[in-house]
Amino acid sequence: MFTSNPFAVLSGSIPIGVMQAYVIVMALLVAGGTLFDVIHKGSARYFFENWRNSKRKGARELGSGELVSIAVQTAVVDVLASGEFCNVKRRIAHLLGMYGFVLYVLATVVMVFNPAAGGIWAQLWWLGGLMVCVGGYWFWFFIRVDVAAEGRSPFRIMRADLFILSLLASATLGLIWAATGGGVGVLFWLYILANTVLFAGVPWSKFAHMFFKPAAAFEKRLAMANGTAENLPTQSRDDPEQRKRHSMELLLDAPMDMGLGIKREAPRHY
């Protein structure tokens, strides 16, 4: 089961060309939906304007070597390692979902366009789907802020949940469909429905954020490097001049590390 191509079994009922056309249509919907999202929200214009303002107001000009270094740091820390998450559990759940989704989609494309592909590609498809389910359900039931910190029901659904729910539905239904032998049936059509909602719902979900977040992280690192710091104060309390002008006399000589404070325990006092 874990080494056979479920889409090759399906080709006995649905022509392989139809499956390939469906995958191409979904890819076009993602591209079109992302482009629509960029135009509708003005994301690209916002990033480019911020970049120009940052270069104009920067205390110093960055060299090409620094730009390459910042790009590498962004790719490794912020993208590949999800460094923006301070919460370890959320970072692990995000990494499971992200890398699982990449494996799941890549293996699907390979097996649909090459019915003879199986073995390692089938195993990667199963591994990716399971990673999505583990990371996604862990996040949905135990890590979400409105569930973990605010005590709301995990079954409370908002429009912003379209991406994660359709992704979980796609992976879950796909694995169950393959585990029960594949073929055309109710599970298959539910699987197709979940995939269609996932890839066609880009303008109404958080799908497009995976393309925006690297740009935002890169821009933030540029702003810190050239001195603009996104117009935020750069002095901290460990700076001698900042400590002298502090309005609270009690903090003038206070140690920098004053313990965990409100982080001593999880926010579960609802």
C-alpha atoms as a PDB file:
ATOM      1  CA  MET A   1       0.000   0.000   0.000  1.00  0.00           C
ATOM      2  CA  PHE A   2       2.785   2.438   0.887  1.00  0.00           C
ATOM      3  CA  THR A   3       4.767   1.789  -2.293  1.00  0.00           C
ATOM      4  CA  SER A   4       2.008   1.690  -4.924  1.00  0.00           C
ATOM      5  CA  ASN A   5       0.858   4.698  -6.934  1.00  0.00           C
ATOM      6  CA  PRO A   6      -2.831   5.317  -6.048  1.00  0.00           C
ATOM      7  CA  PHE A   7      -3.279   7.460  -9.153  1.00  0.00           C
ATOM      8  CA  ALA A   8      -2.133   4.606 -11.397  1.00  0.00           C
ATOM      9  CA  VAL A   9      -4.989   2.505  -9.982  1.00  0.00           C
ATOM     10  CA  LEU A  10      -7.337   5.404 -10.617  1.00  0.00           C
ATOM     11  CA  SER A  11      -6.287   5.583 -14.289  1.00  0.00           C
ATOM     12  CA  GLY A  12      -8.384   2.476 -14.933  1.00  0.00           C
ATOM     13  CA  SER A  13     -11.524   4.556 -14.365  1.00  0.00           C
ATOM     14  CA  ILE A  14     -10.401   8.091 -15.230  1.00  0.00           C
ATOM     15  CA  PRO A  15      -8.070   8.811 -18.187  1.00  0.00           C
ATOM     16  CA  ILE A  16      -4.633   9.899 -17.063  1.00  0.00           C
ATOM     17  CA  GLY A  17      -4.931  12.965 -19.308  1.00  0.00           C
ATOM     18  CA  VAL A  18      -7.956  14.151 -17.321  1.00  0.00           C
ATOM     19  CA  MET A  19      -6.014  13.857 -14.046  1.00  0.00           C
ATOM     20  CA  GLN A  20      -3.059  15.737 -15.531  1.00  0.00           C
ATOM     21  CA  ALA A  21      -5.367  18.475 -16.837  1.00  0.00           C
ATOM     22  CA  TYR A  22      -6.911  18.806 -13.361  1.00  0.00           C
ATOM     23  CA  VAL A  23      -3.460  19.275 -11.782  1.00  0.00           C
ATOM     24  CA  ILE A  24      -2.566  21.936 -14.373  1.00  0.00           C
ATOM     25  CA  VAL A  25      -5.858  23.765 -13.753  1.00  0.00           C
ATOM     26  CA  MET A  26      -5.204  23.750  -9.990  1.00  0.00           C
ATOM     27  CA  ALA A  27      -1.701  25.181 -10.563  1.00  0.00           C
ATOM     28  CA  LEU A  28      -3.159  27.926 -12.760  1.00  0.00           C
ATOM     29  CA  LEU A  29      -5.780  28.696 -10.105  1.00  0.00           C
ATOM     30  CA  VAL A  30      -3.055  29.101  -7.473  1.00  0.00           C
ATOM     31  CA  ALA A  31      -1.073  31.429  -9.759  1.00  0.00           C
ATOM     32  CA  GLY A  32      -4.148  33.418 -10.733  1.00  0.00           C
ATOM     33  CA  GLY A  33      -5.466  33.564  -7.175  1.00  0.00           C
ATOM     34  CA  THR A  34      -2.118  34.774  -5.848  1.00  0.00           C
ATOM     35  CA  LEU A  35      -1.913  37.444  -8.550  1.00  0.00           C
ATOM     36  CA  PHE A  36      -5.458  38.560  -7.753  1.00  0.00           C
ATOM     37  CA  ASP A  37      -4.589  38.693  -4.051  1.00  0.00           C
ATOM     38  CA  VAL A  38      -1.503  40.811  -4.771  1.00  0.00           C
ATOM     39  CA  ILE A  39      -3.496  43.275  -6.884  1.00  0.00           C
ATOM     40  CA  HIS A  40      -6.527  43.368  -4.605  1.00  0.00           C
ATOM     41  CA  LYS A  41      -4.561  43.933  -1.392  1.00  0.00           C
ATOM     42  CA  GLY A  42      -1.790  45.990  -2.985  1.00  0.00           C
ATOM     43  CA  SER A  43       0.838  43.760  -1.365  1.00  0.00           C
ATOM     44  CA  ALA A  44       3.493  44.173  -4.052  1.00  0.00           C
ATOM     45  CA  ARG A  45       3.077  47.954  -4.123  1.00  0.00           C
ATOM     46  CA  TYR A  46       3.293  48.059  -0.310  1.00  0.00           C
ATOM     47  CA  PHE A  47       6.537  46.049  -0.229  1.00  0.00           C
ATOM     48  CA  PHE A  48       8.206  48.038  -3.019  1.00  0.00           C
ATOM     49  CA  GLU A  49       7.227  51.390  -1.466  1.00  0.00           C
ATOM     50  CA  ASN A  50       8.551  50.273   1.915  1.00  0.00           C
ATOM     51  CA  TRP A  51      11.755  49.105   0.268  1.00  0.00           C
ATOM     52  CA  ARG A  52      12.239  52.467  -1.502  1.00  0.00           C
ATOM     53  CA  ASN A  53      11.517  54.389   1.710  1.00  0.00           C
ATOM     54  CA  SER A  54      13.920  52.181   3.617  1.00  0.00           C
ATOM     55  CA  LYS A  55      16.699  52.790   1.078  1.00  0.00           C
ATOM     56  CA  ARG A  56      16.038  56.549   1.076  1.00  0.00           C
ATOM     57  CA  LYS A  57      15.939  56.917   4.859  1.00  0.00           C
ATOM     58  CA  GLY A  58      18.616  54.364   5.665  1.00  0.00           C
ATOM     59  CA  ALA A  59      21.580  55.509   7.719  1.00  0.00           C
ATOM     60  CA  ARG A  60      23.910  53.655   5.363  1.00  0.00           C
ATOM     61  CA  GLU A  61      23.792  51.955   1.979  1.00  0.00           C
ATOM     62  CA  LEU A  62      24.097  48.189   1.881  1.00  0.00           C
ATOM     63  CA  GLY A  63      26.617  46.547  -0.407  1.00  0.00           C
ATOM     64  CA  SER A  64      25.885  43.637  -2.729  1.00  0.00           C
ATOM     65  CA  GLY A  65      27.647  41.221  -0.386  1.00  0.00           C
ATOM     66  CA  GLU A  66      25.456  42.309   2.526  1.00  0.00           C
ATOM     67  CA  LEU A  67      22.323  41.938   0.401  1.00  0.00           C
ATOM     68  CA  VAL A  68      23.315  38.385  -0.529  1.00  0.00           C
ATOM     69  CA  SER A  69      24.053  37.601   3.114  1.00  0.00           C
ATOM     70  CA  ILE A  70      20.662  38.972   4.211  1.00  0.00           C
ATOM     71  CA  ALA A  71      18.918  36.977   1.461  1.00  0.00           C
ATOM     72  CA  VAL A  72      20.653  33.782   2.626  1.00  0.00           C
ATOM     73  CA  GLN A  73      19.750  34.464   6.279  1.00  0.00           C
ATOM     74  CA  THR A  74      16.141  35.072   5.275  1.00  0.00           C
ATOM     75  CA  ALA A  75      15.992  31.836   3.290  1.00  0.00           C
ATOM     76  CA  VAL A  76      17.646  29.691   5.959  1.00  0.00           C
ATOM     77  CA  VAL A  77      16.293  31.188   9.192  1.00  0.00           C
ATOM     78  CA  ASP A  78      12.927  32.721   8.303  1.00  0.00           C
ATOM     79  CA  VAL A  79      11.800  30.399   5.492  1.00  0.00           C
ATOM     80  CA  LEU A  80      13.418  26.985   5.924  1.00  0.00           C
ATOM     81  CA  ALA A  81      13.490  27.059   9.739  1.00  0.00           C
ATOM     82  CA  SER A  82      10.369  29.235  10.387  1.00  0.00           C
ATOM     83  CA  GLY A  83      12.455  31.428  12.663  1.00  0.00           C
ATOM     84  CA  GLU A  84       9.668  33.992  13.142  1.00  0.00           C
ATOM     85  CA  PHE A  85       7.911  31.644  15.578  1.00  0.00           C
ATOM     86  CA  CYS A  86       9.098  32.080  19.167  1.00  0.00           C
ATOM     87  CA  ASN A  87       6.812  29.329  20.424  1.00  0.00           C
ATOM     88  CA  VAL A  88       8.651  26.025  19.923  1.00  0.00           C
ATOM     89  CA  LYS A  89       5.476  23.946  19.629  1.00  0.00           C
ATOM     90  CA  ARG A  90       4.009  26.226  16.991  1.00  0.00           C
ATOM     91  CA  ARG A  91       7.264  26.235  15.047  1.00  0.00           C
ATOM     92  CA  ILE A  92       7.400  22.431  15.012  1.00  0.00           C
ATOM     93  CA  ALA A  93       3.749  22.195  13.958  1.00  0.00           C
ATOM     94  CA  HIS A  94       4.369  24.754  11.204  1.00  0.00           C
ATOM     95  CA  LEU A  95       7.476  22.924   9.952  1.00  0.00           C
ATOM     96  CA  LEU A  96       5.598  19.622   9.884  1.00  0.00           C
ATOM     97  CA  GLY A  97       2.789  21.201   7.889  1.00  0.00           C
ATOM     98  CA  MET A  98       5.076  23.134   5.539  1.00  0.00           C
ATOM     99  CA  TYR A  99       7.480  20.330   4.626  1.00  0.00           C
ATOM    100  CA  GLY A 100       4.661  17.796   4.626  1.00  0.00           C
ATOM    101  CA  PHE A 101       2.707  19.928   2.159  1.00  0.00           C
ATOM    102  CA  VAL A 102       5.748  20.269  -0.132  1.00  0.00           C
ATOM    103  CA  LEU A 103       6.320  16.489  -0.153  1.00  0.00           C
ATOM    104  CA  TYR A 104       2.611  15.772  -0.572  1.00  0.00           C
ATOM    105  CA  VAL A 105       2.148  18.114  -3.554  1.00  0.00           C
ATOM    106  CA  LEU A 106       5.450  17.231  -5.236  1.00  0.00           C
ATOM    107  CA  ALA A 107       4.818  13.478  -4.989  1.00  0.00           C
ATOM    108  CA  THR A 108       1.260  13.946  -6.263  1.00  0.00           C
ATOM    109  CA  VAL A 109       2.473  15.798  -9.358  1.00  0.00           C
ATOM    110  CA  VAL A 110       5.164  13.204 -10.074  1.00  0.00           C
ATOM    111  CA  MET A 111       2.798  10.245  -9.713  1.00  0.00           C
ATOM    112  CA  VAL A 112       0.026  11.847 -11.773  1.00  0.00           C
ATOM    113  CA  PHE A 113       2.340  12.758 -14.659  1.00  0.00           C
ATOM    114  CA  ASN A 114       4.254   9.463 -14.431  1.00  0.00           C
ATOM    115  CA  PRO A 115       1.844   6.611 -13.566  1.00  0.00           C
ATOM    116  CA  ALA A 116       4.793   4.230 -13.438  1.00  0.00           C
ATOM    117  CA  ALA A 117       6.255   6.169 -10.518  1.00  0.00           C
ATOM    118  CA  GLY A 118       5.772   4.426  -7.217  1.00  0.00           C
ATOM    119  CA  GLY A 119       8.147   3.177  -4.565  1.00  0.00           C
ATOM    120  CA  ILE A 120       9.917   6.162  -3.032  1.00  0.00           C
ATOM    121  CA  TRP A 121       7.432   8.664  -4.510  1.00  0.00           C
ATOM    122  CA  ALA A 122       4.491   6.808  -3.028  1.00  0.00           C
ATOM    123  CA  GLN A 123       6.280   6.686   0.318  1.00  0.00           C
ATOM    124  CA  LEU A 124       7.005  10.435   0.151  1.00  0.00           C
ATOM    125  CA  TRP A 125       3.323  11.039  -0.656  1.00  0.00           C
ATOM    126  CA  TRP A 126       2.261   9.100   2.435  1.00  0.00           C
ATOM    127  CA  LEU A 127       4.938  10.723   4.595  1.00  0.00           C
ATOM    128  CA  GLY A 128       3.974  14.219   3.424  1.00  0.00           C
ATOM    129  CA  GLY A 129       0.268  13.609   4.023  1.00  0.00           C
ATOM    130  CA  LEU A 130       0.915  12.235   7.510  1.00  0.00           C
ATOM    131  CA  MET A 131       3.161  15.190   8.374  1.00  0.00           C
ATOM    132  CA  VAL A 132       0.417  17.604   7.286  1.00  0.00           C
ATOM    133  CA  CYS A 133      -2.110  15.758   9.448  1.00  0.00           C
ATOM    134  CA  VAL A 134       0.124  15.623  12.539  1.00  0.00           C
ATOM    135  CA  GLY A 135       1.180  19.268  12.330  1.00  0.00           C
ATOM    136  CA  GLY A 136      -2.255  20.515  11.260  1.00  0.00           C
ATOM    137  CA  TYR A 137      -4.380  18.702  13.829  1.00  0.00           C
ATOM    138  CA  TRP A 138      -1.884  19.467  16.587  1.00  0.00           C
ATOM    139  CA  PHE A 139      -2.119  23.156  15.698  1.00  0.00           C
ATOM    140  CA  TRP A 140      -5.911  23.123  15.287  1.00  0.00           C
ATOM    141  CA  PHE A 141      -6.812  21.401  18.551  1.00  0.00           C
ATOM    142  CA  PHE A 142      -3.983  22.422  20.918  1.00  0.00           C
ATOM    143  CA  ILE A 143      -1.903  25.391  19.718  1.00  0.00           C
ATOM    144  CA  ARG A 144      -4.269  27.946  18.163  1.00  0.00           C
ATOM    145  CA  VAL A 145      -4.344  31.119  20.255  1.00  0.00           C
ATOM    146  CA  ASP A 146      -8.139  31.308  20.486  1.00  0.00           C
ATOM    147  CA  VAL A 147      -8.211  27.683  21.665  1.00  0.00           C
ATOM    148  CA  ALA A 148      -5.114  27.441  23.893  1.00  0.00           C
ATOM    149  CA  ALA A 149      -5.134  30.960  25.382  1.00  0.00           C
ATOM    150  CA  GLU A 150      -8.728  32.157  25.052  1.00  0.00           C
ATOM    151  CA  GLY A 151     -10.508  28.887  25.768  1.00  0.00           C
ATOM    152  CA  ARG A 152     -12.689  28.919  22.667  1.00  0.00           C
ATOM    153  CA  SER A 153     -14.002  25.719  21.134  1.00  0.00           C
ATOM    154  CA  PRO A 154     -11.692  24.117  18.537  1.00  0.00           C
ATOM    155  CA  PHE A 155     -14.795  23.587  16.388  1.00  0.00           C
ATOM    156  CA  ARG A 156     -15.380  27.341  16.028  1.00  0.00           C
ATOM    157  CA  ILE A 157     -14.752  28.123  12.350  1.00  0.00           C
ATOM    158  CA  MET A 158     -14.016  31.464  10.660  1.00  0.00           C
ATOM    159  CA  ARG A 159     -13.264  32.385   7.057  1.00  0.00           C
ATOM    160  CA  ALA A 160      -9.578  32.699   7.938  1.00  0.00           C
ATOM    161  CA  ASP A 161      -9.589  28.951   8.684  1.00  0.00           C
ATOM    162  CA  LEU A 162     -10.340  28.042   5.058  1.00  0.00           C
ATOM    163  CA  PHE A 163      -6.718  27.277   4.208  1.00  0.00           C
ATOM    164  CA  ILE A 164      -5.857  25.023   7.149  1.00  0.00           C
ATOM    165  CA  LEU A 165      -9.192  23.190   7.050  1.00  0.00           C
ATOM    166  CA  SER A 166      -9.086  22.535   3.298  1.00  0.00           C
ATOM    167  CA  LEU A 167      -5.449  21.427   3.599  1.00  0.00           C
ATOM    168  CA  LEU A 168      -6.300  19.002   6.406  1.00  0.00           C
ATOM    169  CA  ALA A 169      -9.311  17.738   4.465  1.00  0.00           C
ATOM    170  CA  SER A 170      -7.170  17.160   1.378  1.00  0.00           C
ATOM    171  CA  ALA A 171      -4.463  15.221   3.225  1.00  0.00           C
ATOM    172  CA  THR A 172      -6.874  13.265   5.435  1.00  0.00           C
ATOM    173  CA  LEU A 173      -9.292  12.277   2.690  1.00  0.00           C
ATOM    174  CA  GLY A 174      -6.414  11.489   0.330  1.00  0.00           C
ATOM    175  CA  LEU A 175      -4.783   9.105   2.795  1.00  0.00           C
ATOM    176  CA  ILE A 176      -8.069   7.406   3.647  1.00  0.00           C
ATOM    177  CA  TRP A 177      -8.944   7.133  -0.054  1.00  0.00           C
ATOM    178  CA  ALA A 178      -5.581   5.519  -0.859  1.00  0.00           C
ATOM    179  CA  ALA A 179      -5.733   3.237   2.202  1.00  0.00           C
ATOM    180  CA  THR A 180      -9.127   1.875   1.156  1.00  0.00           C
ATOM    181  CA  GLY A 181      -7.880   0.884  -2.291  1.00  0.00           C
ATOM    182  CA  GLY A 182      -8.361   4.057  -4.299  1.00  0.00           C
ATOM    183  CA  GLY A 183     -10.751   4.021  -7.203  1.00  0.00           C
ATOM    184  CA  VAL A 184     -13.737   6.211  -7.942  1.00  0.00           C
ATOM    185  CA  GLY A 185     -16.222   6.535  -5.098  1.00  0.00           C
ATOM    186  CA  VAL A 186     -17.540   8.919  -2.470  1.00  0.00           C
ATOM    187  CA  LEU A 187     -14.118   9.307  -0.816  1.00  0.00           C
ATOM    188  CA  PHE A 188     -12.509  10.156  -4.139  1.00  0.00           C
ATOM    189  CA  TRP A 189     -15.003  12.903  -4.955  1.00  0.00           C
ATOM    190  CA  LEU A 190     -14.694  14.337  -1.447  1.00  0.00           C
ATOM    191  CA  TYR A 191     -10.927  14.299  -1.940  1.00  0.00           C
ATOM    192  CA  ILE A 192     -11.316  16.185  -5.236  1.00  0.00           C
ATOM    193  CA  LEU A 193     -13.670  18.678  -3.578  1.00  0.00           C
ATOM    194  CA  ALA A 194     -11.168  19.355  -0.775  1.00  0.00           C
ATOM    195  CA  ASN A 195      -8.358  19.891  -3.290  1.00  0.00           C
ATOM    196  CA  THR A 196     -10.497  22.213  -5.387  1.00  0.00           C
ATOM    197  CA  VAL A 197     -11.387  24.334  -2.362  1.00  0.00           C
ATOM    198  CA  LEU A 198      -7.727  24.395  -1.280  1.00  0.00           C
ATOM    199  CA  PHE A 199      -6.273  25.525  -4.615  1.00  0.00           C
ATOM    200  CA  ALA A 200      -9.200  27.519  -6.010  1.00  0.00           C
ATOM    201  CA  GLY A 201      -9.835  29.353  -2.732  1.00  0.00           C
ATOM    202  CA  VAL A 202      -6.522  31.236  -2.720  1.00  0.00           C
ATOM    203  CA  PRO A 203      -8.126  34.733  -2.872  1.00  0.00           C
ATOM    204  CA  TRP A 204     -10.235  33.931   0.210  1.00  0.00           C
ATOM    205  CA  SER A 205      -7.701  32.004   2.294  1.00  0.00           C
ATOM    206  CA  LYS A 206      -4.195  32.366   3.712  1.00  0.00           C
ATOM    207  CA  PHE A 207      -2.671  30.245   0.929  1.00  0.00           C
ATOM    208  CA  ALA A 208      -0.937  33.237  -0.665  1.00  0.00           C
ATOM    209  CA  HIS A 209       0.849  34.142   2.588  1.00  0.00           C
ATOM    210  CA  MET A 210       3.520  31.544   1.816  1.00  0.00           C
ATOM    211  CA  PHE A 211       4.656  33.806  -1.034  1.00  0.00           C
ATOM    212  CA  PHE A 212       4.436  37.069   0.945  1.00  0.00           C
ATOM    213  CA  LYS A 213       6.154  36.017   4.176  1.00  0.00           C
ATOM    214  CA  PRO A 214       9.651  35.567   2.673  1.00  0.00           C
ATOM    215  CA  ALA A 215       9.424  39.040   1.082  1.00  0.00           C
ATOM    216  CA  ALA A 216       8.280  40.573   4.377  1.00  0.00           C
ATOM    217  CA  ALA A 217      11.068  38.822   6.302  1.00  0.00           C
ATOM    218  CA  PHE A 218      13.680  39.987   3.776  1.00  0.00           C
ATOM    219  CA  GLU A 219      12.403  43.566   3.970  1.00  0.00           C
ATOM    220  CA  LYS A 220      12.512  43.497   7.782  1.00  0.00           C
ATOM    221  CA  ARG A 221      16.129  42.325   7.800  1.00  0.00           C
ATOM    222  CA  LEU A 222      17.049  45.043   5.282  1.00  0.00           C
ATOM    223  CA  ALA A 223      15.467  47.693   7.481  1.00  0.00           C
ATOM    224  CA  MET A 224      17.416  46.522  10.527  1.00  0.00           C
ATOM    225  CA  ALA A 225      20.671  46.403   8.555  1.00  0.00           C
ATOM    226  CA  ASN A 226      20.436  49.880   7.011  1.00  0.00           C
ATOM    227  CA  GLY A 227      19.340  51.540  10.255  1.00  0.00           C
ATOM    228  CA  THR A 228      15.727  52.481   9.498  1.00  0.00           C
ATOM    229  CA  ALA A 229      14.390  49.607  11.651  1.00  0.00           C
ATOM    230  CA  GLU A 230      10.902  50.138  10.159  1.00  0.00           C
ATOM    231  CA  ASN A 231      10.723  53.479  12.038  1.00  0.00           C
ATOM    232  CA  LEU A 232      10.807  51.648  15.382  1.00  0.00           C
ATOM    233  CA  PRO A 233      13.108  52.650  18.281  1.00  0.00           C
ATOM    234  CA  THR A 234      16.397  50.783  18.187  1.00  0.00           C
ATOM    235  CA  GLN A 235      17.588  51.591  21.685  1.00  0.00           C
ATOM    236  CA  SER A 236      16.839  49.066  24.384  1.00  0.00           C
ATOM    237  CA  ARG A 237      17.041  49.264  28.148  1.00  0.00           C
ATOM    238  CA  ASP A 238      20.570  47.841  28.154  1.00  0.00           C
ATOM    239  CA  ASP A 239      21.747  50.977  26.332  1.00  0.00           C
ATOM    240  CA  PRO A 240      23.228  53.392  28.957  1.00  0.00           C
ATOM    241  CA  GLU A 241      21.661  56.492  27.401  1.00  0.00           C
ATOM    242  CA  GLN A 242      18.273  54.800  27.197  1.00  0.00           C
ATOM    243  CA  ARG A 243      18.442  53.790  30.861  1.00  0.00           C
ATOM    244  CA  LYS A 244      19.237  57.379  31.926  1.00  0.00           C
ATOM    245  CA  ARG A 245      16.110  58.760  30.272  1.00  0.00           C
ATOM    246  CA  HIS A 246      13.793  56.024  31.524  1.00  0.00           C
ATOM    247  CA  SER A 247      10.687  57.496  33.146  1.00  0.00           C
ATOM    248  CA  MET A 248      10.453  54.753  35.770  1.00  0.00           C
ATOM    249  CA  GLU A 249      13.170  55.245  38.382  1.00  0.00           C
ATOM    250  CA  LEU A 250      12.630  51.706  39.641  1.00  0.00           C
ATOM    251  CA  LEU A 251      13.981  50.366  36.340  1.00  0.00           C
ATOM    252  CA  LEU A 252      17.107  52.518  36.202  1.00  0.00           C
ATOM    253  CA  ASP A 253      19.243  50.009  38.101  1.00  0.00           C
ATOM    254  CA  ALA A 254      17.097  46.925  37.554  1.00  0.00           C
ATOM    255  CA  PRO A 255      18.866  43.873  36.108  1.00  0.00           C
ATOM    256  CA  MET A 256      18.269  43.133  32.433  1.00  0.00           C
ATOM    257  CA  ASP A 257      17.058  39.606  33.156  1.00  0.00           C
ATOM    258  CA  MET A 258      14.209  39.881  35.672  1.00  0.00           C
ATOM    259  CA  GLY A 259      12.882  36.355  35.243  1.00  0.00           C
ATOM    260  CA  LEU A 260      10.071  34.852  33.234  1.00  0.00           C
ATOM    261  CA  GLY A 261       7.342  37.164  34.549  1.00  0.00           C
ATOM    262  CA  ILE A 262       4.024  36.454  32.854  1.00  0.00           C
ATOM    263  CA  LYS A 263       5.752  33.801  30.729  1.00  0.00           C
ATOM    264  CA  ARG A 264       6.254  31.664  33.819  1.00  0.00           C
ATOM    265  CA  GLU A 265       3.112  29.680  32.943  1.00  0.00           C
ATOM    266  CA  ALA A 266       0.901  29.184  29.930  1.00  0.00           C
ATOM    267  CA  PRO A 267      -1.965  31.690  29.482  1.00  0.00           C
ATOM    268  CA  ARG A 268      -4.785  29.346  30.491  1.00  0.00           C
ATOM    269  CA  HIS A 269      -6.638  31.485  33.019  1.00  0.00           C
ATOM    270  CA  TYR A 270      -9.870  31.770  31.019  1.00  0.00           C
END
